Amino acid sequence: MTLETADLLAIAGIVLPLLLAVVGGTLAWLKSDIRDLRTETRAEIRAINARVDVLTQAIFASALARGSLVDTPETGTSPSASESQPTPTN
């Protein structure tokens, strides 16, 4: 073994563990960030789902309310012509 090879091995012995530590730390940091992004994404999806649920309930409630207002009473009388046809708008 020449002096040059021994020097290169010594340098590699010093540099490689440091390099592995840096790369390992970087990978751990990236993994943590990805986990945080997944958690944030799940929270955003839950919030969007909650908004969609509220909007759907509001639409159904509005449709039910309109349905009960539009239904004619069951008294046997027919609505007059002015009530059955919508008024034209300009």
PDB file of N, CA and C in Angstrom:
ATOM      1  N   MET A   1       0.855  -1.159   0.000  1.00  0.00           N
ATOM      2  CA  MET A   1       0.000   0.000   0.000  1.00  0.00           C
ATOM      3  C   MET A   1       0.908   1.231   0.000  1.00  0.00           C
ATOM      4  N   THR A   2       0.651   2.096  -0.917  1.00  0.00           N
ATOM      5  CA  THR A   2       1.474   3.307  -1.011  1.00  0.00           C
ATOM      6  C   THR A   2       0.920   4.376  -0.084  1.00  0.00           C
ATOM      7  N   LEU A   3       1.677   5.379   0.088  1.00  0.00           N
ATOM      8  CA  LEU A   3       1.265   6.487   0.948  1.00  0.00           C
ATOM      9  C   LEU A   3       0.042   7.197   0.359  1.00  0.00           C
ATOM     10  N   GLU A   4      -0.005   7.292  -0.956  1.00  0.00           N
ATOM     11  CA  GLU A   4      -1.133   7.929  -1.600  1.00  0.00           C
ATOM     12  C   GLU A   4      -2.429   7.185  -1.319  1.00  0.00           C
ATOM     13  N   THR A   5      -2.421   5.906  -1.422  1.00  0.00           N
ATOM     14  CA  THR A   5      -3.621   5.111  -1.183  1.00  0.00           C
ATOM     15  C   THR A   5      -4.043   5.214   0.274  1.00  0.00           C
ATOM     16  N   ALA A   6      -3.096   5.189   1.173  1.00  0.00           N
ATOM     17  CA  ALA A   6      -3.409   5.320   2.595  1.00  0.00           C
ATOM     18  C   ALA A   6      -4.020   6.689   2.881  1.00  0.00           C
ATOM     19  N   ASP A   7      -3.505   7.717   2.253  1.00  0.00           N
ATOM     20  CA  ASP A   7      -4.062   9.060   2.429  1.00  0.00           C
ATOM     21  C   ASP A   7      -5.498   9.126   1.913  1.00  0.00           C
ATOM     22  N   LEU A   8      -5.719   8.551   0.743  1.00  0.00           N
ATOM     23  CA  LEU A   8      -7.074   8.551   0.166  1.00  0.00           C
ATOM     24  C   LEU A   8      -8.056   7.788   1.050  1.00  0.00           C
ATOM     25  N   LEU A   9      -7.613   6.666   1.604  1.00  0.00           N
ATOM     26  CA  LEU A   9      -8.481   5.911   2.498  1.00  0.00           C
ATOM     27  C   LEU A   9      -8.775   6.677   3.779  1.00  0.00           C
ATOM     28  N   ALA A  10      -7.803   7.393   4.296  1.00  0.00           N
ATOM     29  CA  ALA A  10      -8.014   8.199   5.498  1.00  0.00           C
ATOM     30  C   ALA A  10      -8.996   9.329   5.223  1.00  0.00           C
ATOM     31  N   ILE A  11      -8.824   9.976   4.091  1.00  0.00           N
ATOM     32  CA  ILE A  11      -9.745  11.054   3.711  1.00  0.00           C
ATOM     33  C   ILE A  11     -11.154  10.505   3.530  1.00  0.00           C
ATOM     34  N   ALA A  12     -11.245   9.360   2.852  1.00  0.00           N
ATOM     35  CA  ALA A  12     -12.549   8.744   2.655  1.00  0.00           C
ATOM     36  C   ALA A  12     -13.171   8.358   3.984  1.00  0.00           C
ATOM     37  N   GLY A  13     -12.361   7.883   4.920  1.00  0.00           N
ATOM     38  CA  GLY A  13     -12.863   7.519   6.247  1.00  0.00           C
ATOM     39  C   GLY A  13     -13.397   8.708   7.012  1.00  0.00           C
ATOM     40  N   ILE A  14     -12.868   9.874   6.734  1.00  0.00           N
ATOM     41  CA  ILE A  14     -13.348  11.092   7.406  1.00  0.00           C
ATOM     42  C   ILE A  14     -14.539  11.690   6.663  1.00  0.00           C
ATOM     43  N   VAL A  15     -14.473  11.726   5.355  1.00  0.00           N
ATOM     44  CA  VAL A  15     -15.497  12.397   4.547  1.00  0.00           C
ATOM     45  C   VAL A  15     -16.775  11.571   4.427  1.00  0.00           C
ATOM     46  N   LEU A  16     -16.658  10.270   4.212  1.00  0.00           N
ATOM     47  CA  LEU A  16     -17.845   9.445   3.989  1.00  0.00           C
ATOM     48  C   LEU A  16     -18.818   9.445   5.166  1.00  0.00           C
ATOM     49  N   PRO A  17     -18.369   9.304   6.417  1.00  0.00           N
ATOM     50  CA  PRO A  17     -19.340   9.369   7.524  1.00  0.00           C
ATOM     51  C   PRO A  17     -20.037  10.727   7.615  1.00  0.00           C
ATOM     52  N   LEU A  18     -19.268  11.797   7.360  1.00  0.00           N
ATOM     53  CA  LEU A  18     -19.896  13.122   7.362  1.00  0.00           C
ATOM     54  C   LEU A  18     -20.920  13.243   6.239  1.00  0.00           C
ATOM     55  N   LEU A  19     -20.548  12.731   5.075  1.00  0.00           N
ATOM     56  CA  LEU A  19     -21.461  12.773   3.937  1.00  0.00           C
ATOM     57  C   LEU A  19     -22.712  11.946   4.216  1.00  0.00           C
ATOM     58  N   LEU A  20     -22.532  10.765   4.795  1.00  0.00           N
ATOM     59  CA  LEU A  20     -23.674   9.928   5.147  1.00  0.00           C
ATOM     60  C   LEU A  20     -24.569  10.605   6.186  1.00  0.00           C
ATOM     61  N   ALA A  21     -23.955  11.278   7.137  1.00  0.00           N
ATOM     62  CA  ALA A  21     -24.731  11.978   8.160  1.00  0.00           C
ATOM     63  C   ALA A  21     -25.552  13.104   7.541  1.00  0.00           C
ATOM     64  N   VAL A  22     -24.933  13.860   6.628  1.00  0.00           N
ATOM     65  CA  VAL A  22     -25.643  14.962   5.975  1.00  0.00           C
ATOM     66  C   VAL A  22     -26.782  14.428   5.112  1.00  0.00           C
ATOM     67  N   VAL A  23     -26.490  13.404   4.317  1.00  0.00           N
ATOM     68  CA  VAL A  23     -27.525  12.839   3.448  1.00  0.00           C
ATOM     69  C   VAL A  23     -28.629  12.212   4.285  1.00  0.00           C
ATOM     70  N   GLY A  24     -28.276  11.507   5.342  1.00  0.00           N
ATOM     71  CA  GLY A  24     -29.288  10.915   6.218  1.00  0.00           C
ATOM     72  C   GLY A  24     -30.154  11.960   6.883  1.00  0.00           C
ATOM     73  N   GLY A  25     -29.537  13.036   7.352  1.00  0.00           N
ATOM     74  CA  GLY A  25     -30.304  14.132   7.957  1.00  0.00           C
ATOM     75  C   GLY A  25     -31.231  14.791   6.961  1.00  0.00           C
ATOM     76  N   THR A  26     -30.737  14.980   5.746  1.00  0.00           N
ATOM     77  CA  THR A  26     -31.563  15.583   4.701  1.00  0.00           C
ATOM     78  C   THR A  26     -32.755  14.696   4.373  1.00  0.00           C
ATOM     79  N   LEU A  27     -32.514  13.398   4.272  1.00  0.00           N
ATOM     80  CA  LEU A  27     -33.620  12.477   3.982  1.00  0.00           C
ATOM     81  C   LEU A  27     -34.644  12.458   5.114  1.00  0.00           C
ATOM     82  N   ALA A  28     -34.168  12.502   6.350  1.00  0.00           N
ATOM     83  CA  ALA A  28     -35.092  12.534   7.483  1.00  0.00           C
ATOM     84  C   ALA A  28     -35.908  13.824   7.477  1.00  0.00           C
ATOM     85  N   TRP A  29     -35.277  14.929   7.148  1.00  0.00           N
ATOM     86  CA  TRP A  29     -35.963  16.216   7.080  1.00  0.00           C
ATOM     87  C   TRP A  29     -37.017  16.204   5.976  1.00  0.00           C
ATOM     88  N   LEU A  30     -36.655  15.659   4.799  1.00  0.00           N
ATOM     89  CA  LEU A  30     -37.614  15.575   3.697  1.00  0.00           C
ATOM     90  C   LEU A  30     -38.780  14.664   4.051  1.00  0.00           C
ATOM     91  N   LYS A  31     -38.496  13.550   4.707  1.00  0.00           N
ATOM     92  CA  LYS A  31     -39.556  12.631   5.106  1.00  0.00           C
ATOM     93  C   LYS A  31     -40.516  13.312   6.080  1.00  0.00           C
ATOM     94  N   SER A  32     -39.977  14.084   7.001  1.00  0.00           N
ATOM     95  CA  SER A  32     -40.808  14.825   7.949  1.00  0.00           C
ATOM     96  C   SER A  32     -41.680  15.851   7.230  1.00  0.00           C
ATOM     97  N   ASP A  33     -41.092  16.563   6.261  1.00  0.00           N
ATOM     98  CA  ASP A  33     -41.862  17.535   5.491  1.00  0.00           C
ATOM     99  C   ASP A  33     -42.980  16.870   4.707  1.00  0.00           C
ATOM    100  N   ILE A  34     -42.690  15.721   4.118  1.00  0.00           N
ATOM    101  CA  ILE A  34     -43.714  15.003   3.363  1.00  0.00           C
ATOM    102  C   ILE A  34     -44.842  14.566   4.298  1.00  0.00           C
ATOM    103  N   ARG A  35     -44.497  14.099   5.485  1.00  0.00           N
ATOM    104  CA  ARG A  35     -45.511  13.704   6.458  1.00  0.00           C
ATOM    105  C   ARG A  35     -46.369  14.910   6.842  1.00  0.00           C
ATOM    106  N   ASP A  36     -45.735  16.067   7.052  1.00  0.00           N
ATOM    107  CA  ASP A  36     -46.485  17.280   7.386  1.00  0.00           C
ATOM    108  C   ASP A  36     -47.405  17.689   6.242  1.00  0.00           C
ATOM    109  N   LEU A  37     -46.909  17.580   5.008  1.00  0.00           N
ATOM    110  CA  LEU A  37     -47.745  17.924   3.864  1.00  0.00           C
ATOM    111  C   LEU A  37     -48.950  16.995   3.757  1.00  0.00           C
ATOM    112  N   ARG A  38     -48.723  15.712   4.019  1.00  0.00           N
ATOM    113  CA  ARG A  38     -49.850  14.769   3.988  1.00  0.00           C
ATOM    114  C   ARG A  38     -50.881  15.119   5.046  1.00  0.00           C
ATOM    115  N   THR A  39     -50.406  15.476   6.241  1.00  0.00           N
ATOM    116  CA  THR A  39     -51.318  15.844   7.325  1.00  0.00           C
ATOM    117  C   THR A  39     -52.097  17.095   6.954  1.00  0.00           C
ATOM    118  N   GLU A  40     -51.416  18.096   6.397  1.00  0.00           N
ATOM    119  CA  GLU A  40     -52.092  19.323   5.980  1.00  0.00           C
ATOM    120  C   GLU A  40     -53.087  19.045   4.865  1.00  0.00           C
ATOM    121  N   THR A  41     -52.711  18.189   3.923  1.00  0.00           N
ATOM    122  CA  THR A  41     -53.601  17.859   2.817  1.00  0.00           C
ATOM    123  C   THR A  41     -54.851  17.160   3.335  1.00  0.00           C
ATOM    124  N   ARG A  42     -54.676  16.236   4.268  1.00  0.00           N
ATOM    125  CA  ARG A  42     -55.838  15.556   4.843  1.00  0.00           C
ATOM    126  C   ARG A  42     -56.747  16.547   5.557  1.00  0.00           C
ATOM    127  N   ALA A  43     -56.161  17.483   6.279  1.00  0.00           N
ATOM    128  CA  ALA A  43     -56.960  18.488   6.985  1.00  0.00           C
ATOM    129  C   ALA A  43     -57.718  19.367   5.990  1.00  0.00           C
ATOM    130  N   GLU A  44     -57.058  19.739   4.893  1.00  0.00           N
ATOM    131  CA  GLU A  44     -57.727  20.547   3.877  1.00  0.00           C
ATOM    132  C   GLU A  44     -58.851  19.769   3.211  1.00  0.00           C
ATOM    133  N   ILE A  45     -58.632  18.491   2.958  1.00  0.00           N
ATOM    134  CA  ILE A  45     -59.678  17.669   2.344  1.00  0.00           C
ATOM    135  C   ILE A  45     -60.871  17.553   3.286  1.00  0.00           C
ATOM    136  N   ARG A  46     -60.596  17.375   4.582  1.00  0.00           N
ATOM    137  CA  ARG A  46     -61.700  17.314   5.549  1.00  0.00           C
ATOM    138  C   ARG A  46     -62.465  18.629   5.581  1.00  0.00           C
ATOM    139  N   ALA A  47     -61.762  19.746   5.530  1.00  0.00           N
ATOM    140  CA  ALA A  47     -62.434  21.047   5.543  1.00  0.00           C
ATOM    141  C   ALA A  47     -63.286  21.236   4.287  1.00  0.00           C
ATOM    142  N   ILE A  48     -62.765  20.827   3.143  1.00  0.00           N
ATOM    143  CA  ILE A  48     -63.532  20.938   1.897  1.00  0.00           C
ATOM    144  C   ILE A  48     -64.755  20.036   1.954  1.00  0.00           C
ATOM    145  N   ASN A  49     -64.590  18.818   2.462  1.00  0.00           N
ATOM    146  CA  ASN A  49     -65.726  17.908   2.591  1.00  0.00           C
ATOM    147  C   ASN A  49     -66.791  18.490   3.514  1.00  0.00           C
ATOM    148  N   ALA A  50     -66.363  19.134   4.591  1.00  0.00           N
ATOM    149  CA  ALA A  50     -67.328  19.750   5.508  1.00  0.00           C
ATOM    150  C   ALA A  50     -68.082  20.882   4.809  1.00  0.00           C
ATOM    151  N   ARG A  51     -67.379  21.683   4.013  1.00  0.00           N
ATOM    152  CA  ARG A  51     -68.045  22.766   3.278  1.00  0.00           C
ATOM    153  C   ARG A  51     -69.044  22.216   2.265  1.00  0.00           C
ATOM    154  N   VAL A  52     -68.655  21.145   1.578  1.00  0.00           N
ATOM    155  CA  VAL A  52     -69.563  20.531   0.605  1.00  0.00           C
ATOM    156  C   VAL A  52     -70.793  19.977   1.315  1.00  0.00           C
ATOM    157  N   ASP A  53     -70.605  19.370   2.477  1.00  0.00           N
ATOM    158  CA  ASP A  53     -71.738  18.859   3.246  1.00  0.00           C
ATOM    159  C   ASP A  53     -72.688  19.986   3.649  1.00  0.00           C
ATOM    160  N   VAL A  54     -72.134  21.084   4.129  1.00  0.00           N
ATOM    161  CA  VAL A  54     -72.966  22.223   4.534  1.00  0.00           C
ATOM    162  C   VAL A  54     -73.713  22.784   3.328  1.00  0.00           C
ATOM    163  N   LEU A  55     -73.030  22.918   2.201  1.00  0.00           N
ATOM    164  CA  LEU A  55     -73.669  23.432   0.995  1.00  0.00           C
ATOM    165  C   LEU A  55     -74.769  22.492   0.523  1.00  0.00           C
ATOM    166  N   THR A  56     -74.518  21.198   0.554  1.00  0.00           N
ATOM    167  CA  THR A  56     -75.529  20.221   0.150  1.00  0.00           C
ATOM    168  C   THR A  56     -76.744  20.293   1.064  1.00  0.00           C
ATOM    169  N   GLN A  57     -76.512  20.390   2.361  1.00  0.00           N
ATOM    170  CA  GLN A  57     -77.627  20.500   3.294  1.00  0.00           C
ATOM    171  C   GLN A  57     -78.427  21.776   3.057  1.00  0.00           C
ATOM    172  N   ALA A  58     -77.738  22.869   2.751  1.00  0.00           N
ATOM    173  CA  ALA A  58     -78.430  24.126   2.475  1.00  0.00           C
ATOM    174  C   ALA A  58     -79.272  24.010   1.207  1.00  0.00           C
ATOM    175  N   ILE A  59     -78.729  23.352   0.184  1.00  0.00           N
ATOM    176  CA  ILE A  59     -79.487  23.174  -1.066  1.00  0.00           C
ATOM    177  C   ILE A  59     -80.718  22.313  -0.818  1.00  0.00           C
ATOM    178  N   PHE A  60     -80.539  21.214  -0.080  1.00  0.00           N
ATOM    179  CA  PHE A  60     -81.689  20.354   0.220  1.00  0.00           C
ATOM    180  C   PHE A  60     -82.728  21.083   1.057  1.00  0.00           C
ATOM    181  N   ALA A  61     -82.281  21.829   2.038  1.00  0.00           N
ATOM    182  CA  ALA A  61     -83.209  22.578   2.880  1.00  0.00           C
ATOM    183  C   ALA A  61     -83.959  23.618   2.055  1.00  0.00           C
ATOM    184  N   SER A  62     -83.259  24.275   1.163  1.00  0.00           N
ATOM    185  CA  SER A  62     -83.902  25.265   0.301  1.00  0.00           C
ATOM    186  C   SER A  62     -84.916  24.603  -0.626  1.00  0.00           C
ATOM    187  N   ALA A  63     -84.545  23.453  -1.192  1.00  0.00           N
ATOM    188  CA  ALA A  63     -85.463  22.745  -2.084  1.00  0.00           C
ATOM    189  C   ALA A  63     -86.686  22.267  -1.323  1.00  0.00           C
ATOM    190  N   LEU A  64     -86.506  21.768  -0.122  1.00  0.00           N
ATOM    191  CA  LEU A  64     -87.649  21.328   0.679  1.00  0.00           C
ATOM    192  C   LEU A  64     -88.547  22.501   1.051  1.00  0.00           C
ATOM    193  N   ALA A  65     -87.934  23.626   1.397  1.00  0.00           N
ATOM    194  CA  ALA A  65     -88.723  24.807   1.758  1.00  0.00           C
ATOM    195  C   ALA A  65     -89.509  25.312   0.555  1.00  0.00           C
ATOM    196  N   ARG A  66     -88.884  25.347  -0.606  1.00  0.00           N
ATOM    197  CA  ARG A  66     -89.597  25.788  -1.811  1.00  0.00           C
ATOM    198  C   ARG A  66     -90.702  24.819  -2.172  1.00  0.00           C
ATOM    199  N   GLY A  67     -90.435  23.550  -2.012  1.00  0.00           N
ATOM    200  CA  GLY A  67     -91.445  22.548  -2.331  1.00  0.00           C
ATOM    201  C   GLY A  67     -92.677  22.707  -1.471  1.00  0.00           C
ATOM    202  N   SER A  68     -92.525  23.015  -0.195  1.00  0.00           N
ATOM    203  CA  SER A  68     -93.678  23.175   0.685  1.00  0.00           C
ATOM    204  C   SER A  68     -94.400  24.485   0.412  1.00  0.00           C
ATOM    205  N   LEU A  69     -93.709  25.511  -0.089  1.00  0.00           N
ATOM    206  CA  LEU A  69     -94.361  26.776  -0.414  1.00  0.00           C
ATOM    207  C   LEU A  69     -95.098  26.711  -1.747  1.00  0.00           C
ATOM    208  N   VAL A  70     -94.615  25.924  -2.682  1.00  0.00           N
ATOM    209  CA  VAL A  70     -95.214  25.861  -4.013  1.00  0.00           C
ATOM    210  C   VAL A  70     -96.421  24.935  -4.027  1.00  0.00           C
ATOM    211  N   ASP A  71     -96.428  23.914  -3.203  1.00  0.00           N
ATOM    212  CA  ASP A  71     -97.548  22.972  -3.188  1.00  0.00           C
ATOM    213  C   ASP A  71     -98.851  23.703  -2.890  1.00  0.00           C
ATOM    214  N   THR A  72     -99.880  23.378  -3.661  1.00  0.00           N
ATOM    215  CA  THR A  72    -101.186  23.996  -3.430  1.00  0.00           C
ATOM    216  C   THR A  72    -101.905  23.222  -2.343  1.00  0.00           C
ATOM    217  N   PRO A  73    -102.726  23.885  -1.575  1.00  0.00           N
ATOM    218  CA  PRO A  73    -103.472  23.185  -0.526  1.00  0.00           C
ATOM    219  C   PRO A  73    -104.466  22.216  -1.160  1.00  0.00           C
ATOM    220  N   GLU A  74    -104.744  21.149  -0.480  1.00  0.00           N
ATOM    221  CA  GLU A  74    -105.630  20.121  -1.019  1.00  0.00           C
ATOM    222  C   GLU A  74    -107.068  20.400  -0.611  1.00  0.00           C
ATOM    223  N   THR A  75    -107.641  21.517  -1.082  1.00  0.00           N
ATOM    224  CA  THR A  75    -109.023  21.876  -0.752  1.00  0.00           C
ATOM    225  C   THR A  75    -109.963  21.548  -1.896  1.00  0.00           C
ATOM    226  N   GLY A  76    -109.445  21.089  -3.017  1.00  0.00           N
ATOM    227  CA  GLY A  76    -110.297  20.747  -4.138  1.00  0.00           C
ATOM    228  C   GLY A  76    -110.516  21.898  -5.103  1.00  0.00           C
ATOM    229  N   THR A  77    -110.001  23.061  -4.805  1.00  0.00           N
ATOM    230  CA  THR A  77    -110.153  24.196  -5.710  1.00  0.00           C
ATOM    231  C   THR A  77    -108.926  24.279  -6.601  1.00  0.00           C
ATOM    232  N   SER A  78    -109.138  24.660  -7.831  1.00  0.00           N
ATOM    233  CA  SER A  78    -108.009  24.803  -8.737  1.00  0.00           C
ATOM    234  C   SER A  78    -107.474  26.225  -8.637  1.00  0.00           C
ATOM    235  N   PRO A  79    -106.197  26.395  -8.808  1.00  0.00           N
ATOM    236  CA  PRO A  79    -105.643  27.758  -8.747  1.00  0.00           C
ATOM    237  C   PRO A  79    -106.128  28.577  -9.928  1.00  0.00           C
ATOM    238  N   SER A  80    -106.231  29.859  -9.726  1.00  0.00           N
ATOM    239  CA  SER A  80    -106.672  30.730 -10.799  1.00  0.00           C
ATOM    240  C   SER A  80    -105.595  30.839 -11.867  1.00  0.00           C
ATOM    241  N   ALA A  81    -105.937  31.380 -13.006  1.00  0.00           N
ATOM    242  CA  ALA A  81    -104.999  31.470 -14.123  1.00  0.00           C
ATOM    243  C   ALA A  81    -103.796  32.329 -13.778  1.00  0.00           C
ATOM    244  N   SER A  82    -104.017  33.385 -13.002  1.00  0.00           N
ATOM    245  CA  SER A  82    -102.893  34.258 -12.657  1.00  0.00           C
ATOM    246  C   SER A  82    -101.932  33.572 -11.696  1.00  0.00           C
ATOM    247  N   GLU A  83    -102.404  32.639 -10.887  1.00  0.00           N
ATOM    248  CA  GLU A  83    -101.533  31.942  -9.955  1.00  0.00           C
ATOM    249  C   GLU A  83    -100.754  30.811 -10.627  1.00  0.00           C
ATOM    250  N   SER A  84    -101.353  30.191 -11.651  1.00  0.00           N
ATOM    251  CA  SER A  84    -100.698  29.031 -12.242  1.00  0.00           C
ATOM    252  C   SER A  84     -99.638  29.405 -13.265  1.00  0.00           C
ATOM    253  N   GLN A  85     -99.728  30.602 -13.845  1.00  0.00           N
ATOM    254  CA  GLN A  85     -98.731  31.006 -14.843  1.00  0.00           C
ATOM    255  C   GLN A  85     -97.810  32.063 -14.247  1.00  0.00           C
ATOM    256  N   PRO A  86     -96.527  31.901 -14.504  1.00  0.00           N
ATOM    257  CA  PRO A  86     -95.593  32.906 -13.966  1.00  0.00           C
ATOM    258  C   PRO A  86     -95.758  34.247 -14.675  1.00  0.00           C
ATOM    259  N   THR A  87     -95.473  35.286 -13.967  1.00  0.00           N
ATOM    260  CA  THR A  87     -95.568  36.619 -14.563  1.00  0.00           C
ATOM    261  C   THR A  87     -94.350  36.872 -15.431  1.00  0.00           C
ATOM    262  N   PRO A  88     -94.542  37.435 -16.637  1.00  0.00           N
ATOM    263  CA  PRO A  88     -93.391  37.691 -17.504  1.00  0.00           C
ATOM    264  C   PRO A  88     -92.530  38.820 -16.939  1.00  0.00           C
ATOM    265  N   THR A  89     -91.251  38.680 -17.105  1.00  0.00           N
ATOM    266  CA  THR A  89     -90.315  39.723 -16.670  1.00  0.00           C
ATOM    267  C   THR A  89     -89.609  40.282 -17.903  1.00  0.00           C
ATOM    268  N   ASN A  90     -89.316  41.535 -17.862  1.00  0.00           N
ATOM    269  CA  ASN A  90     -88.642  42.194 -18.989  1.00  0.00           C
ATOM    270  C   ASN A  90     -87.186  42.284 -18.737  1.00  0.00           C
TER     271      ASN A  90
END
